[in-house]
Amino acid sequence: MKIQDIYYKIRPMAKLHSGENLKIHPIAQFIISATASLLIGFFGGIFLWFIVGFNPDNSGGTFIFILGAILSSSISIAYIRKKAIFYGMNIFTFIVCILLAISYI
């Protein structure tokens, strides 16, 4: 007898619920992934900015946002089937595009 069988004998409803997936509301998925997008986009952009060879002496900070947007959008491709996570991961890219359009005008 395995430990899992003993557990199911003690708690028979656990066997019934063992195959269920944890359901998270799409709005919660969107908010969590949008927050992750902002953090990954900004800090990942800074990391890539230094990796590429830029520093405050030879480059503006705009490349931080551009590289972060590329990184955030690249990660979102993995979640293309889950629309809430996909759109949430592209929030940083959307914000960067708006800021670049405003700065251009």
C-alpha atoms as a PDB file:
ATOM      1  CA  MET A   1       0.000   0.000   0.000  1.00  0.00           C
ATOM      2  CA  LYS A   2       1.399   3.367  -1.043  1.00  0.00           C
ATOM      3  CA  ILE A   3       1.288   6.559   0.976  1.00  0.00           C
ATOM      4  CA  GLN A   4      -1.091   8.037  -1.589  1.00  0.00           C
ATOM      5  CA  ASP A   5      -3.566   5.170  -1.028  1.00  0.00           C
ATOM      6  CA  ILE A   6      -3.425   5.700   2.733  1.00  0.00           C
ATOM      7  CA  TYR A   7      -4.058   9.409   2.233  1.00  0.00           C
ATOM      8  CA  TYR A   8      -7.053   8.693  -0.009  1.00  0.00           C
ATOM      9  CA  LYS A   9      -8.470   6.300   2.627  1.00  0.00           C
ATOM     10  CA  ILE A  10      -8.202   8.994   5.291  1.00  0.00           C
ATOM     11  CA  ARG A  11      -9.570  11.729   3.018  1.00  0.00           C
ATOM     12  CA  PRO A  12     -11.787  10.167   0.312  1.00  0.00           C
ATOM     13  CA  MET A  13     -12.678  13.559  -1.217  1.00  0.00           C
ATOM     14  CA  ALA A  14      -8.993  14.197  -1.950  1.00  0.00           C
ATOM     15  CA  LYS A  15      -9.064  11.445  -4.566  1.00  0.00           C
ATOM     16  CA  LEU A  16     -12.030  13.108  -6.209  1.00  0.00           C
ATOM     17  CA  HIS A  17     -10.285  16.484  -6.362  1.00  0.00           C
ATOM     18  CA  SER A  18      -6.822  15.185  -7.260  1.00  0.00           C
ATOM     19  CA  GLY A  19      -7.339  15.512 -11.006  1.00  0.00           C
ATOM     20  CA  GLU A  20      -8.702  19.054 -10.923  1.00  0.00           C
ATOM     21  CA  ASN A  21      -6.606  21.984 -12.019  1.00  0.00           C
ATOM     22  CA  LEU A  22      -6.386  25.164 -10.013  1.00  0.00           C
ATOM     23  CA  LYS A  23      -8.645  27.711 -11.690  1.00  0.00           C
ATOM     24  CA  ILE A  24      -7.565  31.348 -11.600  1.00  0.00           C
ATOM     25  CA  HIS A  25      -9.842  34.050 -12.945  1.00  0.00           C
ATOM     26  CA  PRO A  26      -8.559  35.627 -16.194  1.00  0.00           C
ATOM     27  CA  ILE A  27      -8.574  39.112 -14.661  1.00  0.00           C
ATOM     28  CA  ALA A  28      -6.260  37.897 -11.871  1.00  0.00           C
ATOM     29  CA  GLN A  29      -4.028  36.259 -14.493  1.00  0.00           C
ATOM     30  CA  PHE A  30      -3.926  39.545 -16.424  1.00  0.00           C
ATOM     31  CA  ILE A  31      -3.046  41.642 -13.351  1.00  0.00           C
ATOM     32  CA  ILE A  32      -0.342  39.234 -12.193  1.00  0.00           C
ATOM     33  CA  SER A  33       1.203  38.964 -15.658  1.00  0.00           C
ATOM     34  CA  ALA A  34       1.012  42.741 -16.199  1.00  0.00           C
ATOM     35  CA  THR A  35       2.884  43.300 -12.935  1.00  0.00           C
ATOM     36  CA  ALA A  36       5.438  40.687 -13.947  1.00  0.00           C
ATOM     37  CA  SER A  37       5.729  42.369 -17.337  1.00  0.00           C
ATOM     38  CA  LEU A  38       6.533  45.718 -15.758  1.00  0.00           C
ATOM     39  CA  LEU A  39       9.169  44.202 -13.479  1.00  0.00           C
ATOM     40  CA  ILE A  40      10.699  41.957 -16.145  1.00  0.00           C
ATOM     41  CA  GLY A  41      10.577  44.727 -18.727  1.00  0.00           C
ATOM     42  CA  PHE A  42      12.294  47.328 -16.589  1.00  0.00           C
ATOM     43  CA  PHE A  43      14.882  45.217 -14.770  1.00  0.00           C
ATOM     44  CA  GLY A  44      15.449  42.946 -17.765  1.00  0.00           C
ATOM     45  CA  GLY A  45      15.900  46.034 -19.930  1.00  0.00           C
ATOM     46  CA  ILE A  46      18.519  47.398 -17.548  1.00  0.00           C
ATOM     47  CA  PHE A  47      20.291  44.021 -17.523  1.00  0.00           C
ATOM     48  CA  LEU A  48      20.279  43.774 -21.329  1.00  0.00           C
ATOM     49  CA  TRP A  49      21.352  47.419 -21.571  1.00  0.00           C
ATOM     50  CA  PHE A  50      24.518  46.643 -19.611  1.00  0.00           C
ATOM     51  CA  ILE A  51      25.073  43.302 -21.396  1.00  0.00           C
ATOM     52  CA  VAL A  52      24.942  44.972 -24.818  1.00  0.00           C
ATOM     53  CA  GLY A  53      27.619  47.380 -23.653  1.00  0.00           C
ATOM     54  CA  PHE A  54      25.738  50.594 -23.002  1.00  0.00           C
ATOM     55  CA  ASN A  55      26.275  52.704 -19.926  1.00  0.00           C
ATOM     56  CA  PRO A  56      25.091  56.144 -18.786  1.00  0.00           C
ATOM     57  CA  ASP A  57      28.091  57.790 -20.473  1.00  0.00           C
ATOM     58  CA  ASN A  58      27.497  56.544 -24.011  1.00  0.00           C
ATOM     59  CA  SER A  59      23.754  55.971 -24.283  1.00  0.00           C
ATOM     60  CA  GLY A  60      20.427  57.332 -23.227  1.00  0.00           C
ATOM     61  CA  GLY A  61      17.999  55.423 -21.064  1.00  0.00           C
ATOM     62  CA  THR A  62      15.553  54.975 -23.926  1.00  0.00           C
ATOM     63  CA  PHE A  63      17.297  51.758 -24.889  1.00  0.00           C
ATOM     64  CA  ILE A  64      16.429  50.337 -21.467  1.00  0.00           C
ATOM     65  CA  PHE A  65      12.746  50.580 -22.310  1.00  0.00           C
ATOM     66  CA  ILE A  66      13.162  49.333 -25.865  1.00  0.00           C
ATOM     67  CA  LEU A  67      15.199  46.295 -24.805  1.00  0.00           C
ATOM     68  CA  GLY A  68      12.787  45.625 -21.935  1.00  0.00           C
ATOM     69  CA  ALA A  69       9.837  45.751 -24.339  1.00  0.00           C
ATOM     70  CA  ILE A  70      11.555  43.288 -26.656  1.00  0.00           C
ATOM     71  CA  LEU A  71      12.258  40.955 -23.725  1.00  0.00           C
ATOM     72  CA  SER A  72       8.711  41.197 -22.351  1.00  0.00           C
ATOM     73  CA  SER A  73       7.153  40.549 -25.767  1.00  0.00           C
ATOM     74  CA  SER A  74       9.496  37.628 -26.377  1.00  0.00           C
ATOM     75  CA  ILE A  75       8.404  35.990 -23.126  1.00  0.00           C
ATOM     76  CA  SER A  76       4.734  36.580 -23.962  1.00  0.00           C
ATOM     77  CA  ILE A  77       5.025  34.423 -27.089  1.00  0.00           C
ATOM     78  CA  ALA A  78       5.206  31.358 -24.835  1.00  0.00           C
ATOM     79  CA  TYR A  79       1.712  32.187 -23.508  1.00  0.00           C
ATOM     80  CA  ILE A  80      -0.006  32.898 -26.830  1.00  0.00           C
ATOM     81  CA  ARG A  81      -2.799  30.393 -26.071  1.00  0.00           C
ATOM     82  CA  LYS A  82      -3.686  31.987 -22.729  1.00  0.00           C
ATOM     83  CA  LYS A  83      -4.946  35.366 -23.883  1.00  0.00           C
ATOM     84  CA  ALA A  84      -5.047  37.034 -20.439  1.00  0.00           C
ATOM     85  CA  ILE A  85      -1.399  36.237 -19.746  1.00  0.00           C
ATOM     86  CA  PHE A  86      -0.381  37.102 -23.316  1.00  0.00           C
ATOM     87  CA  TYR A  87      -1.969  40.556 -23.161  1.00  0.00           C
ATOM     88  CA  GLY A  88      -0.689  41.127 -19.629  1.00  0.00           C
ATOM     89  CA  MET A  89       2.884  40.364 -20.663  1.00  0.00           C
ATOM     90  CA  ASN A  90       2.580  42.899 -23.495  1.00  0.00           C
ATOM     91  CA  ILE A  91       1.536  45.769 -21.190  1.00  0.00           C
ATOM     92  CA  PHE A  92       5.125  46.993 -20.883  1.00  0.00           C
ATOM     93  CA  THR A  93       5.467  47.021 -24.678  1.00  0.00           C
ATOM     94  CA  PHE A  94       2.213  48.945 -24.994  1.00  0.00           C
ATOM     95  CA  ILE A  95       3.332  51.541 -22.432  1.00  0.00           C
ATOM     96  CA  VAL A  96       6.716  51.919 -24.148  1.00  0.00           C
ATOM     97  CA  CYS A  97       5.050  52.453 -27.534  1.00  0.00           C
ATOM     98  CA  ILE A  98       2.794  55.151 -26.065  1.00  0.00           C
ATOM     99  CA  LEU A  99       5.760  56.871 -24.381  1.00  0.00           C
ATOM    100  CA  LEU A 100       7.796  56.764 -27.586  1.00  0.00           C
ATOM    101  CA  ALA A 101       4.889  58.252 -29.571  1.00  0.00           C
ATOM    102  CA  ILE A 102       4.447  61.016 -26.968  1.00  0.00           C
ATOM    103  CA  SER A 103       8.176  61.794 -26.970  1.00  0.00           C
ATOM    104  CA  TYR A 104       8.198  61.900 -30.769  1.00  0.00           C
ATOM    105  CA  ILE A 105       5.297  64.376 -30.875  1.00  0.00           C
END
